[in-house]
Amino acid sequence: MRELLMATVLALSPVQAGSEVKVYFSHGFGVPGKVVPVTRKAPDRGVATFALQQLIAGPTAAERRRGLHSELGGQIRGRSDCGADFTIKITKGTATLRFCRTVWGNGVGGDARILRTIDATLKQFRSVKKVVTLGKDGRCLFDQTDAGTSCVTGHE
């Protein structure tokens, strides 16, 4: 119960203005690729939500000149079914991220890089041990298997 409370506080509660979080952007185009952290100052809102919003927004011009990129923001399209780009819930060490808009696949390499940056960005928080990333339809993001549950079960 204590872990659940701590995780909920981390994801949803306000933080002091100026709290630092890391956002992990891709560097290069390997599969799944190298990720590099950059620091952002979170305003007065949930740090996990803020970090993901920054990942979607992408690197600054100076960070792009250093070779950093994010393929996620350009792949999010259509109407939201929750009023935002995503929802996030952290329970018992698992962060469940569900996109509320459609996230288009970008090929095997691009998809792997997107998932890797999400995973690294969320696992910076002590209460997150596992990340489950779901598409708007509730299936594991980019999972083309019949079941669509590989991110939940850990099997392809």
C-alpha atoms as a PDB file:
ATOM      1  CA  MET A   1       0.000   0.000   0.000  1.00  0.00           C
ATOM      2  CA  ARG A   2       2.838   2.358   0.838  1.00  0.00           C
ATOM      3  CA  GLU A   3       4.429   1.745  -2.610  1.00  0.00           C
ATOM      4  CA  LEU A   4       1.112   2.510  -4.320  1.00  0.00           C
ATOM      5  CA  LEU A   5       0.738   5.739  -2.366  1.00  0.00           C
ATOM      6  CA  MET A   6       4.303   6.826  -3.169  1.00  0.00           C
ATOM      7  CA  ALA A   7       3.849   6.042  -6.876  1.00  0.00           C
ATOM      8  CA  THR A   8       0.589   7.973  -7.057  1.00  0.00           C
ATOM      9  CA  VAL A   9       2.182  10.959  -5.351  1.00  0.00           C
ATOM     10  CA  LEU A  10       5.117  10.861  -7.787  1.00  0.00           C
ATOM     11  CA  ALA A  11       2.997  10.743 -10.926  1.00  0.00           C
ATOM     12  CA  LEU A  12       0.147  13.005  -9.996  1.00  0.00           C
ATOM     13  CA  SER A  13       1.042  15.400  -7.215  1.00  0.00           C
ATOM     14  CA  PRO A  14       2.447  18.859  -7.695  1.00  0.00           C
ATOM     15  CA  VAL A  15       6.172  19.330  -7.310  1.00  0.00           C
ATOM     16  CA  GLN A  16       7.958  22.462  -6.326  1.00  0.00           C
ATOM     17  CA  ALA A  17       8.532  24.816  -9.214  1.00  0.00           C
ATOM     18  CA  GLY A  18      11.983  24.232 -10.618  1.00  0.00           C
ATOM     19  CA  SER A  19      12.255  20.526  -9.727  1.00  0.00           C
ATOM     20  CA  GLU A  20      14.535  18.820 -12.211  1.00  0.00           C
ATOM     21  CA  VAL A  21      13.529  15.797 -14.275  1.00  0.00           C
ATOM     22  CA  LYS A  22      15.319  13.996 -17.069  1.00  0.00           C
ATOM     23  CA  VAL A  23      13.958  13.497 -20.553  1.00  0.00           C
ATOM     24  CA  TYR A  24      15.677  10.829 -22.638  1.00  0.00           C
ATOM     25  CA  PHE A  25      16.028  11.594 -26.339  1.00  0.00           C
ATOM     26  CA  SER A  26      17.424   9.371 -29.079  1.00  0.00           C
ATOM     27  CA  HIS A  27      20.951   9.918 -30.347  1.00  0.00           C
ATOM     28  CA  GLY A  28      21.515   8.313 -33.714  1.00  0.00           C
ATOM     29  CA  PHE A  29      19.311   5.850 -35.507  1.00  0.00           C
ATOM     30  CA  GLY A  30      20.370   2.471 -34.147  1.00  0.00           C
ATOM     31  CA  VAL A  31      17.849  -0.125 -33.034  1.00  0.00           C
ATOM     32  CA  PRO A  32      16.718   0.362 -30.331  1.00  0.00           C
ATOM     33  CA  GLY A  33      19.304   3.104 -30.227  1.00  0.00           C
ATOM     34  CA  LYS A  34      21.231   5.123 -27.744  1.00  0.00           C
ATOM     35  CA  VAL A  35      19.359   7.477 -25.426  1.00  0.00           C
ATOM     36  CA  VAL A  36      20.796  10.605 -23.862  1.00  0.00           C
ATOM     37  CA  PRO A  37      19.250  12.426 -20.891  1.00  0.00           C
ATOM     38  CA  VAL A  38      18.655  16.159 -20.814  1.00  0.00           C
ATOM     39  CA  THR A  39      17.409  18.060 -17.799  1.00  0.00           C
ATOM     40  CA  ARG A  40      14.195  20.052 -17.662  1.00  0.00           C
ATOM     41  CA  LYS A  41      12.738  22.100 -14.811  1.00  0.00           C
ATOM     42  CA  ALA A  42       9.255  20.883 -14.012  1.00  0.00           C
ATOM     43  CA  PRO A  43       6.647  23.505 -13.188  1.00  0.00           C
ATOM     44  CA  ASP A  44       4.095  22.928 -10.472  1.00  0.00           C
ATOM     45  CA  ARG A  45       2.592  19.625 -11.742  1.00  0.00           C
ATOM     46  CA  GLY A  46       3.246  15.899 -11.794  1.00  0.00           C
ATOM     47  CA  VAL A  47       6.822  15.108 -12.762  1.00  0.00           C
ATOM     48  CA  ALA A  48       6.134  11.939 -14.781  1.00  0.00           C
ATOM     49  CA  THR A  49       3.455  13.714 -16.811  1.00  0.00           C
ATOM     50  CA  PHE A  50       5.742  16.691 -17.378  1.00  0.00           C
ATOM     51  CA  ALA A  51       8.672  14.496 -18.461  1.00  0.00           C
ATOM     52  CA  LEU A  52       6.491  12.699 -21.039  1.00  0.00           C
ATOM     53  CA  GLN A  53       5.109  15.996 -22.330  1.00  0.00           C
ATOM     54  CA  GLN A  54       8.680  17.164 -22.867  1.00  0.00           C
ATOM     55  CA  LEU A  55       9.521  13.947 -24.714  1.00  0.00           C
ATOM     56  CA  ILE A  56       6.582  14.582 -27.045  1.00  0.00           C
ATOM     57  CA  ALA A  57       7.621  18.239 -27.517  1.00  0.00           C
ATOM     58  CA  GLY A  58      11.096  17.094 -28.534  1.00  0.00           C
ATOM     59  CA  PRO A  59      14.573  18.503 -28.000  1.00  0.00           C
ATOM     60  CA  THR A  60      15.450  22.171 -28.133  1.00  0.00           C
ATOM     61  CA  ALA A  61      17.286  23.591 -31.142  1.00  0.00           C
ATOM     62  CA  ALA A  62      20.589  23.375 -29.238  1.00  0.00           C
ATOM     63  CA  GLU A  63      19.899  19.732 -28.334  1.00  0.00           C
ATOM     64  CA  ARG A  64      19.033  18.925 -31.966  1.00  0.00           C
ATOM     65  CA  ARG A  65      22.389  20.406 -33.003  1.00  0.00           C
ATOM     66  CA  ARG A  66      23.977  17.866 -30.620  1.00  0.00           C
ATOM     67  CA  GLY A  67      22.250  15.096 -32.598  1.00  0.00           C
ATOM     68  CA  LEU A  68      19.352  14.428 -30.229  1.00  0.00           C
ATOM     69  CA  HIS A  69      15.885  13.706 -31.588  1.00  0.00           C
ATOM     70  CA  SER A  70      12.478  12.380 -30.620  1.00  0.00           C
ATOM     71  CA  GLU A  71      10.302  10.589 -33.117  1.00  0.00           C
ATOM     72  CA  LEU A  72       7.312  10.439 -30.784  1.00  0.00           C
ATOM     73  CA  GLY A  73       5.750  13.885 -31.181  1.00  0.00           C
ATOM     74  CA  GLY A  74       5.512  13.687 -34.960  1.00  0.00           C
ATOM     75  CA  GLN A  75       3.735  10.340 -34.800  1.00  0.00           C
ATOM     76  CA  ILE A  76       0.829  11.409 -32.552  1.00  0.00           C
ATOM     77  CA  ARG A  77      -2.280  12.261 -34.564  1.00  0.00           C
ATOM     78  CA  GLY A  78      -6.050  12.572 -34.439  1.00  0.00           C
ATOM     79  CA  ARG A  79      -8.561  13.330 -31.754  1.00  0.00           C
ATOM     80  CA  SER A  80      -8.025  12.531 -28.109  1.00  0.00           C
ATOM     81  CA  ASP A  81     -10.490  10.315 -26.275  1.00  0.00           C
ATOM     82  CA  CYS A  82      -9.365  11.625 -22.858  1.00  0.00           C
ATOM     83  CA  GLY A  83      -8.762  15.346 -23.454  1.00  0.00           C
ATOM     84  CA  ALA A  84      -4.957  15.028 -23.503  1.00  0.00           C
ATOM     85  CA  ASP A  85      -2.232  13.187 -25.414  1.00  0.00           C
ATOM     86  CA  PHE A  86      -2.009  10.437 -22.777  1.00  0.00           C
ATOM     87  CA  THR A  87      -2.869   9.196 -19.319  1.00  0.00           C
ATOM     88  CA  ILE A  88      -0.386   7.674 -16.895  1.00  0.00           C
ATOM     89  CA  LYS A  89      -0.923   5.578 -13.798  1.00  0.00           C
ATOM     90  CA  ILE A  90       1.791   4.126 -11.577  1.00  0.00           C
ATOM     91  CA  THR A  91       0.790   1.105  -9.486  1.00  0.00           C
ATOM     92  CA  LYS A  92       2.997  -1.431  -7.706  1.00  0.00           C
ATOM     93  CA  GLY A  93       6.114  -0.450  -9.652  1.00  0.00           C
ATOM     94  CA  THR A  94       4.436  -0.473 -13.080  1.00  0.00           C
ATOM     95  CA  ALA A  95       3.841   2.719 -15.019  1.00  0.00           C
ATOM     96  CA  THR A  96       0.971   2.250 -17.448  1.00  0.00           C
ATOM     97  CA  LEU A  97       1.030   4.865 -20.184  1.00  0.00           C
ATOM     98  CA  ARG A  98      -1.987   4.946 -22.495  1.00  0.00           C
ATOM     99  CA  PHE A  99      -2.033   7.259 -25.466  1.00  0.00           C
ATOM    100  CA  CYS A 100      -5.384   8.957 -26.018  1.00  0.00           C
ATOM    101  CA  ARG A 101      -4.561   9.877 -29.607  1.00  0.00           C
ATOM    102  CA  THR A 102      -3.340   7.584 -32.361  1.00  0.00           C
ATOM    103  CA  VAL A 103       0.419   6.963 -32.432  1.00  0.00           C
ATOM    104  CA  TRP A 104       1.485   6.003 -35.945  1.00  0.00           C
ATOM    105  CA  GLY A 105       4.217   3.443 -36.356  1.00  0.00           C
ATOM    106  CA  ASN A 106       7.459   4.670 -37.858  1.00  0.00           C
ATOM    107  CA  GLY A 107       8.961   1.326 -38.878  1.00  0.00           C
ATOM    108  CA  VAL A 108      10.691  -1.192 -36.643  1.00  0.00           C
ATOM    109  CA  GLY A 109      13.650   1.074 -35.836  1.00  0.00           C
ATOM    110  CA  GLY A 110      11.600   4.185 -35.156  1.00  0.00           C
ATOM    111  CA  ASP A 111       9.099   2.249 -33.056  1.00  0.00           C
ATOM    112  CA  ALA A 112      11.905   0.713 -30.981  1.00  0.00           C
ATOM    113  CA  ARG A 113      13.472   4.140 -30.415  1.00  0.00           C
ATOM    114  CA  ILE A 114      10.144   5.620 -29.331  1.00  0.00           C
ATOM    115  CA  LEU A 115       9.549   2.824 -26.820  1.00  0.00           C
ATOM    116  CA  ARG A 116      13.106   3.054 -25.530  1.00  0.00           C
ATOM    117  CA  THR A 117      12.879   6.814 -24.861  1.00  0.00           C
ATOM    118  CA  ILE A 118       9.551   6.364 -23.058  1.00  0.00           C
ATOM    119  CA  ASP A 119      10.972   3.516 -20.975  1.00  0.00           C
ATOM    120  CA  ALA A 120      14.119   5.424 -19.990  1.00  0.00           C
ATOM    121  CA  THR A 121      12.213   8.621 -19.221  1.00  0.00           C
ATOM    122  CA  LEU A 122       9.776   6.864 -16.877  1.00  0.00           C
ATOM    123  CA  LYS A 123      12.286   4.531 -15.207  1.00  0.00           C
ATOM    124  CA  GLN A 124      14.228   7.495 -13.850  1.00  0.00           C
ATOM    125  CA  PHE A 125      11.625   7.587 -11.092  1.00  0.00           C
ATOM    126  CA  ARG A 126      12.342   5.220  -8.203  1.00  0.00           C
ATOM    127  CA  SER A 127       8.775   3.961  -8.055  1.00  0.00           C
ATOM    128  CA  VAL A 128       8.850   2.763 -11.700  1.00  0.00           C
ATOM    129  CA  LYS A 129      10.366  -0.656 -12.360  1.00  0.00           C
ATOM    130  CA  LYS A 130       8.332  -1.619 -15.452  1.00  0.00           C
ATOM    131  CA  VAL A 131       6.673   0.419 -18.203  1.00  0.00           C
ATOM    132  CA  VAL A 132       3.578  -0.703 -20.119  1.00  0.00           C
ATOM    133  CA  THR A 133       2.869   1.510 -23.135  1.00  0.00           C
ATOM    134  CA  LEU A 134      -0.558   1.209 -24.689  1.00  0.00           C
ATOM    135  CA  GLY A 135      -2.055   2.713 -27.798  1.00  0.00           C
ATOM    136  CA  LYS A 136      -5.421   4.427 -27.984  1.00  0.00           C
ATOM    137  CA  ASP A 137      -7.055   1.034 -28.593  1.00  0.00           C
ATOM    138  CA  GLY A 138      -5.633  -0.384 -25.329  1.00  0.00           C
ATOM    139  CA  ARG A 139      -3.237  -2.767 -27.120  1.00  0.00           C
ATOM    140  CA  CYS A 140       0.490  -2.632 -26.510  1.00  0.00           C
ATOM    141  CA  LEU A 141       1.891   0.191 -28.619  1.00  0.00           C
ATOM    142  CA  PHE A 142       3.291  -1.087 -31.955  1.00  0.00           C
ATOM    143  CA  ASP A 143       2.440  -4.719 -31.069  1.00  0.00           C
ATOM    144  CA  GLN A 144       1.303  -6.475 -34.248  1.00  0.00           C
ATOM    145  CA  THR A 145       0.604  -9.869 -32.662  1.00  0.00           C
ATOM    146  CA  ASP A 146      -2.949 -11.199 -32.505  1.00  0.00           C
ATOM    147  CA  ALA A 147      -3.176 -10.735 -28.747  1.00  0.00           C
ATOM    148  CA  GLY A 148      -1.458  -7.324 -28.642  1.00  0.00           C
ATOM    149  CA  THR A 149      -0.305  -7.946 -25.079  1.00  0.00           C
ATOM    150  CA  SER A 150       3.470  -8.436 -25.331  1.00  0.00           C
ATOM    151  CA  CYS A 151       4.224  -5.336 -23.224  1.00  0.00           C
ATOM    152  CA  VAL A 152       2.051  -6.671 -20.414  1.00  0.00           C
ATOM    153  CA  THR A 153       3.142 -10.305 -20.485  1.00  0.00           C
ATOM    154  CA  GLY A 154       6.725  -9.714 -21.557  1.00  0.00           C
ATOM    155  CA  HIS A 155       6.408 -12.205 -24.434  1.00  0.00           C
ATOM    156  CA  GLU A 156       6.396 -11.543 -28.159  1.00  0.00           C
END
